[in-house]
Amino acid sequence: MNKDQVQGSAKQVAGKVQQKAGEMVNSKEQQVKGVARQIDGNVQKSYGNAKEALKDR
């Protein structure tokens, strides 16, 4: 597991928490920021997965 995979996963979790917090306080802005952070984390994690796949060749 490389740092991009770890950081990407952490961003996904943080985004989910931010999204749920936004739902609890009825803040569309926080919900959208949370979803955006989740997407950013998913992209970073996918990049890390690709790096690992290439390293294993």
PDB file of N, CA and C in Angstrom:
ATOM      1  N   MET A   1       0.855  -1.170   0.000  1.00  0.00           N
ATOM      2  CA  MET A   1       0.000   0.000   0.000  1.00  0.00           C
ATOM      3  C   MET A   1       0.905   1.238   0.000  1.00  0.00           C
ATOM      4  N   ASN A   2       0.612   2.182  -0.891  1.00  0.00           N
ATOM      5  CA  ASN A   2       1.430   3.383  -0.965  1.00  0.00           C
ATOM      6  C   ASN A   2       0.701   4.590  -0.369  1.00  0.00           C
ATOM      7  N   LYS A   3       1.410   5.709  -0.289  1.00  0.00           N
ATOM      8  CA  LYS A   3       0.848   6.886   0.389  1.00  0.00           C
ATOM      9  C   LYS A   3      -0.377   7.431  -0.326  1.00  0.00           C
ATOM     10  N   ASP A   4      -0.456   7.304  -1.651  1.00  0.00           N
ATOM     11  CA  ASP A   4      -1.635   7.797  -2.360  1.00  0.00           C
ATOM     12  C   ASP A   4      -2.874   6.982  -2.013  1.00  0.00           C
ATOM     13  N   GLN A   5      -2.702   5.696  -1.837  1.00  0.00           N
ATOM     14  CA  GLN A   5      -3.828   4.860  -1.448  1.00  0.00           C
ATOM     15  C   GLN A   5      -4.318   5.225  -0.045  1.00  0.00           C
ATOM     16  N   VAL A   6      -3.385   5.427   0.866  1.00  0.00           N
ATOM     17  CA  VAL A   6      -3.736   5.760   2.249  1.00  0.00           C
ATOM     18  C   VAL A   6      -4.389   7.137   2.323  1.00  0.00           C
ATOM     19  N   GLN A   7      -3.759   8.120   1.697  1.00  0.00           N
ATOM     20  CA  GLN A   7      -4.303   9.476   1.733  1.00  0.00           C
ATOM     21  C   GLN A   7      -5.654   9.548   1.026  1.00  0.00           C
ATOM     22  N   GLY A   8      -5.788   8.828  -0.071  1.00  0.00           N
ATOM     23  CA  GLY A   8      -7.064   8.803  -0.783  1.00  0.00           C
ATOM     24  C   GLY A   8      -8.176   8.221   0.069  1.00  0.00           C
ATOM     25  N   SER A   9      -7.877   7.141   0.762  1.00  0.00           N
ATOM     26  CA  SER A   9      -8.870   6.530   1.649  1.00  0.00           C
ATOM     27  C   SER A   9      -9.250   7.471   2.781  1.00  0.00           C
ATOM     28  N   ALA A  10      -8.256   8.164   3.335  1.00  0.00           N
ATOM     29  CA  ALA A  10      -8.522   9.112   4.417  1.00  0.00           C
ATOM     30  C   ALA A  10      -9.409  10.257   3.927  1.00  0.00           C
ATOM     31  N   LYS A  11      -9.162  10.735   2.721  1.00  0.00           N
ATOM     32  CA  LYS A  11      -9.988  11.817   2.163  1.00  0.00           C
ATOM     33  C   LYS A  11     -11.422  11.342   1.944  1.00  0.00           C
ATOM     34  N   GLN A  12     -11.570  10.099   1.509  1.00  0.00           N
ATOM     35  CA  GLN A  12     -12.917   9.563   1.309  1.00  0.00           C
ATOM     36  C   GLN A  12     -13.689   9.534   2.625  1.00  0.00           C
ATOM     37  N   VAL A  13     -13.043   9.081   3.680  1.00  0.00           N
ATOM     38  CA  VAL A  13     -13.694   9.004   4.991  1.00  0.00           C
ATOM     39  C   VAL A  13     -14.016  10.407   5.504  1.00  0.00           C
ATOM     40  N   ALA A  14     -13.055  11.318   5.388  1.00  0.00           N
ATOM     41  CA  ALA A  14     -13.278  12.686   5.849  1.00  0.00           C
ATOM     42  C   ALA A  14     -14.410  13.343   5.067  1.00  0.00           C
ATOM     43  N   GLY A  15     -14.482  13.068   3.783  1.00  0.00           N
ATOM     44  CA  GLY A  15     -15.557  13.626   2.962  1.00  0.00           C
ATOM     45  C   GLY A  15     -16.912  13.088   3.368  1.00  0.00           C
ATOM     46  N   LYS A  16     -16.967  11.804   3.681  1.00  0.00           N
ATOM     47  CA  LYS A  16     -18.228  11.192   4.117  1.00  0.00           C
ATOM     48  C   LYS A  16     -18.694  11.814   5.432  1.00  0.00           C
ATOM     49  N   VAL A  17     -17.747  12.027   6.351  1.00  0.00           N
ATOM     50  CA  VAL A  17     -18.079  12.655   7.636  1.00  0.00           C
ATOM     51  C   VAL A  17     -18.581  14.080   7.399  1.00  0.00           C
ATOM     52  N   GLN A  18     -17.888  14.829   6.530  1.00  0.00           N
ATOM     53  CA  GLN A  18     -18.277  16.206   6.244  1.00  0.00           C
ATOM     54  C   GLN A  18     -19.665  16.251   5.595  1.00  0.00           C
ATOM     55  N   GLN A  19     -19.925  15.330   4.693  1.00  0.00           N
ATOM     56  CA  GLN A  19     -21.226  15.274   4.042  1.00  0.00           C
ATOM     57  C   GLN A  19     -22.334  14.998   5.059  1.00  0.00           C
ATOM     58  N   LYS A  20     -22.111  14.012   5.923  1.00  0.00           N
ATOM     59  CA  LYS A  20     -23.122  13.667   6.929  1.00  0.00           C
ATOM     60  C   LYS A  20     -23.329  14.807   7.931  1.00  0.00           C
ATOM     61  N   ALA A  21     -22.241  15.484   8.301  1.00  0.00           N
ATOM     62  CA  ALA A  21     -22.366  16.634   9.207  1.00  0.00           C
ATOM     63  C   ALA A  21     -23.183  17.726   8.539  1.00  0.00           C
ATOM     64  N   GLY A  22     -22.950  17.944   7.251  1.00  0.00           N
ATOM     65  CA  GLY A  22     -23.729  18.931   6.514  1.00  0.00           C
ATOM     66  C   GLY A  22     -25.200  18.576   6.473  1.00  0.00           C
ATOM     67  N   GLU A  23     -25.499  17.291   6.341  1.00  0.00           N
ATOM     68  CA  GLU A  23     -26.895  16.848   6.365  1.00  0.00           C
ATOM     69  C   GLU A  23     -27.524  17.114   7.730  1.00  0.00           C
ATOM     70  N   MET A  24     -26.752  16.877   8.791  1.00  0.00           N
ATOM     71  CA  MET A  24     -27.281  17.054  10.145  1.00  0.00           C
ATOM     72  C   MET A  24     -27.615  18.509  10.452  1.00  0.00           C
ATOM     73  N   VAL A  25     -26.783  19.421   9.934  1.00  0.00           N
ATOM     74  CA  VAL A  25     -27.023  20.851  10.207  1.00  0.00           C
ATOM     75  C   VAL A  25     -27.731  21.533   9.044  1.00  0.00           C
ATOM     76  N   ASN A  26     -28.156  20.737   8.068  1.00  0.00           N
ATOM     77  CA  ASN A  26     -28.883  21.237   6.905  1.00  0.00           C
ATOM     78  C   ASN A  26     -28.082  22.275   6.120  1.00  0.00           C
ATOM     79  N   SER A  27     -26.804  21.958   5.876  1.00  0.00           N
ATOM     80  CA  SER A  27     -25.923  22.842   5.123  1.00  0.00           C
ATOM     81  C   SER A  27     -25.578  22.194   3.786  1.00  0.00           C
ATOM     82  N   LYS A  28     -26.208  22.686   2.723  1.00  0.00           N
ATOM     83  CA  LYS A  28     -25.928  22.154   1.379  1.00  0.00           C
ATOM     84  C   LYS A  28     -24.463  22.362   1.011  1.00  0.00           C
ATOM     85  N   GLU A  29     -23.889  23.488   1.436  1.00  0.00           N
ATOM     86  CA  GLU A  29     -22.494  23.794   1.122  1.00  0.00           C
ATOM     87  C   GLU A  29     -21.561  22.722   1.684  1.00  0.00           C
ATOM     88  N   GLN A  30     -21.756  22.342   2.932  1.00  0.00           N
ATOM     89  CA  GLN A  30     -20.909  21.322   3.548  1.00  0.00           C
ATOM     90  C   GLN A  30     -21.136  19.953   2.916  1.00  0.00           C
ATOM     91  N   GLN A  31     -22.370  19.679   2.528  1.00  0.00           N
ATOM     92  CA  GLN A  31     -22.659  18.414   1.864  1.00  0.00           C
ATOM     93  C   GLN A  31     -21.908  18.325   0.539  1.00  0.00           C
ATOM     94  N   VAL A  32     -21.946  19.404  -0.225  1.00  0.00           N
ATOM     95  CA  VAL A  32     -21.273  19.423  -1.522  1.00  0.00           C
ATOM     96  C   VAL A  32     -19.761  19.332  -1.339  1.00  0.00           C
ATOM     97  N   LYS A  33     -19.221  20.050  -0.363  1.00  0.00           N
ATOM     98  CA  LYS A  33     -17.780  19.972  -0.095  1.00  0.00           C
ATOM     99  C   LYS A  33     -17.384  18.553   0.311  1.00  0.00           C
ATOM    100  N   GLY A  34     -18.236  17.897   1.081  1.00  0.00           N
ATOM    101  CA  GLY A  34     -17.959  16.525   1.493  1.00  0.00           C
ATOM    102  C   GLY A  34     -17.938  15.561   0.320  1.00  0.00           C
ATOM    103  N   VAL A  35     -18.897  15.722  -0.581  1.00  0.00           N
ATOM    104  CA  VAL A  35     -18.941  14.860  -1.771  1.00  0.00           C
ATOM    105  C   VAL A  35     -17.712  15.121  -2.641  1.00  0.00           C
ATOM    106  N   ALA A  36     -17.338  16.389  -2.782  1.00  0.00           N
ATOM    107  CA  ALA A  36     -16.160  16.734  -3.580  1.00  0.00           C
ATOM    108  C   ALA A  36     -14.899  16.118  -2.975  1.00  0.00           C
ATOM    109  N   ARG A  37     -14.797  16.133  -1.655  1.00  0.00           N
ATOM    110  CA  ARG A  37     -13.636  15.541  -0.988  1.00  0.00           C
ATOM    111  C   ARG A  37     -13.613  14.033  -1.201  1.00  0.00           C
ATOM    112  N   GLN A  38     -14.783  13.405  -1.192  1.00  0.00           N
ATOM    113  CA  GLN A  38     -14.853  11.969  -1.444  1.00  0.00           C
ATOM    114  C   GLN A  38     -14.380  11.639  -2.864  1.00  0.00           C
ATOM    115  N   ILE A  39     -14.789  12.450  -3.819  1.00  0.00           N
ATOM    116  CA  ILE A  39     -14.373  12.242  -5.208  1.00  0.00           C
ATOM    117  C   ILE A  39     -12.867  12.425  -5.336  1.00  0.00           C
ATOM    118  N   ASP A  40     -12.346  13.468  -4.703  1.00  0.00           N
ATOM    119  CA  ASP A  40     -10.903  13.717  -4.720  1.00  0.00           C
ATOM    120  C   ASP A  40     -10.153  12.528  -4.125  1.00  0.00           C
ATOM    121  N   GLY A  41     -10.661  12.011  -3.025  1.00  0.00           N
ATOM    122  CA  GLY A  41     -10.035  10.852  -2.393  1.00  0.00           C
ATOM    123  C   GLY A  41     -10.089   9.619  -3.269  1.00  0.00           C
ATOM    124  N   ASN A  42     -11.211   9.434  -3.948  1.00  0.00           N
ATOM    125  CA  ASN A  42     -11.351   8.282  -4.838  1.00  0.00           C
ATOM    126  C   ASN A  42     -10.355   8.360  -5.995  1.00  0.00           C
ATOM    127  N   VAL A  43     -10.181   9.561  -6.551  1.00  0.00           N
ATOM    128  CA  VAL A  43      -9.223   9.732  -7.644  1.00  0.00           C
ATOM    129  C   VAL A  43      -7.806   9.434  -7.158  1.00  0.00           C
ATOM    130  N   GLN A  44      -7.458   9.976  -5.983  1.00  0.00           N
ATOM    131  CA  GLN A  44      -6.110   9.766  -5.455  1.00  0.00           C
ATOM    132  C   GLN A  44      -5.875   8.287  -5.145  1.00  0.00           C
ATOM    133  N   LYS A  45      -6.871   7.629  -4.585  1.00  0.00           N
ATOM    134  CA  LYS A  45      -6.733   6.207  -4.265  1.00  0.00           C
ATOM    135  C   LYS A  45      -6.588   5.379  -5.546  1.00  0.00           C
ATOM    136  N   SER A  46      -7.348   5.729  -6.570  1.00  0.00           N
ATOM    137  CA  SER A  46      -7.247   5.028  -7.851  1.00  0.00           C
ATOM    138  C   SER A  46      -5.864   5.213  -8.463  1.00  0.00           C
ATOM    139  N   TYR A  47      -5.329   6.411  -8.345  1.00  0.00           N
ATOM    140  CA  TYR A  47      -3.972   6.679  -8.825  1.00  0.00           C
ATOM    141  C   TYR A  47      -2.974   5.792  -8.072  1.00  0.00           C
ATOM    142  N   GLY A  48      -3.134   5.705  -6.763  1.00  0.00           N
ATOM    143  CA  GLY A  48      -2.261   4.850  -5.964  1.00  0.00           C
ATOM    144  C   GLY A  48      -2.388   3.388  -6.347  1.00  0.00           C
ATOM    145  N   ASN A  49      -3.614   2.963  -6.631  1.00  0.00           N
ATOM    146  CA  ASN A  49      -3.825   1.581  -7.069  1.00  0.00           C
ATOM    147  C   ASN A  49      -3.108   1.312  -8.392  1.00  0.00           C
ATOM    148  N   ALA A  50      -3.176   2.282  -9.300  1.00  0.00           N
ATOM    149  CA  ALA A  50      -2.507   2.131 -10.588  1.00  0.00           C
ATOM    150  C   ALA A  50      -0.986   2.047 -10.406  1.00  0.00           C
ATOM    151  N   LYS A  51      -0.454   2.873  -9.512  1.00  0.00           N
ATOM    152  CA  LYS A  51       0.984   2.830  -9.245  1.00  0.00           C
ATOM    153  C   LYS A  51       1.391   1.462  -8.698  1.00  0.00           C
ATOM    154  N   GLU A  52       0.585   0.922  -7.806  1.00  0.00           N
ATOM    155  CA  GLU A  52       0.879  -0.399  -7.238  1.00  0.00           C
ATOM    156  C   GLU A  52       0.834  -1.469  -8.319  1.00  0.00           C
ATOM    157  N   ALA A  53      -0.153  -1.375  -9.191  1.00  0.00           N
ATOM    158  CA  ALA A  53      -0.279  -2.376 -10.261  1.00  0.00           C
ATOM    159  C   ALA A  53       0.931  -2.342 -11.181  1.00  0.00           C
ATOM    160  N   LEU A  54       1.410  -1.146 -11.485  1.00  0.00           N
ATOM    161  CA  LEU A  54       2.582  -1.032 -12.345  1.00  0.00           C
ATOM    162  C   LEU A  54       3.850  -1.513 -11.636  1.00  0.00           C
ATOM    163  N   LYS A  55       3.911  -1.273 -10.346  1.00  0.00           N
ATOM    164  CA  LYS A  55       5.076  -1.691  -9.563  1.00  0.00           C
ATOM    165  C   LYS A  55       5.168  -3.216  -9.502  1.00  0.00           C
ATOM    166  N   ASP A  56       4.036  -3.872  -9.476  1.00  0.00           N
ATOM    167  CA  ASP A  56       3.993  -5.330  -9.369  1.00  0.00           C
ATOM    168  C   ASP A  56       4.371  -6.032 -10.668  1.00  0.00           C
ATOM    169  N   ARG A  57       4.490  -5.308 -11.752  1.00  0.00           N
ATOM    170  CA  ARG A  57       4.812  -5.928 -13.054  1.00  0.00           C
ATOM    171  C   ARG A  57       6.228  -6.337 -13.125  1.00  0.00           C
TER     172      ARG A  57
END
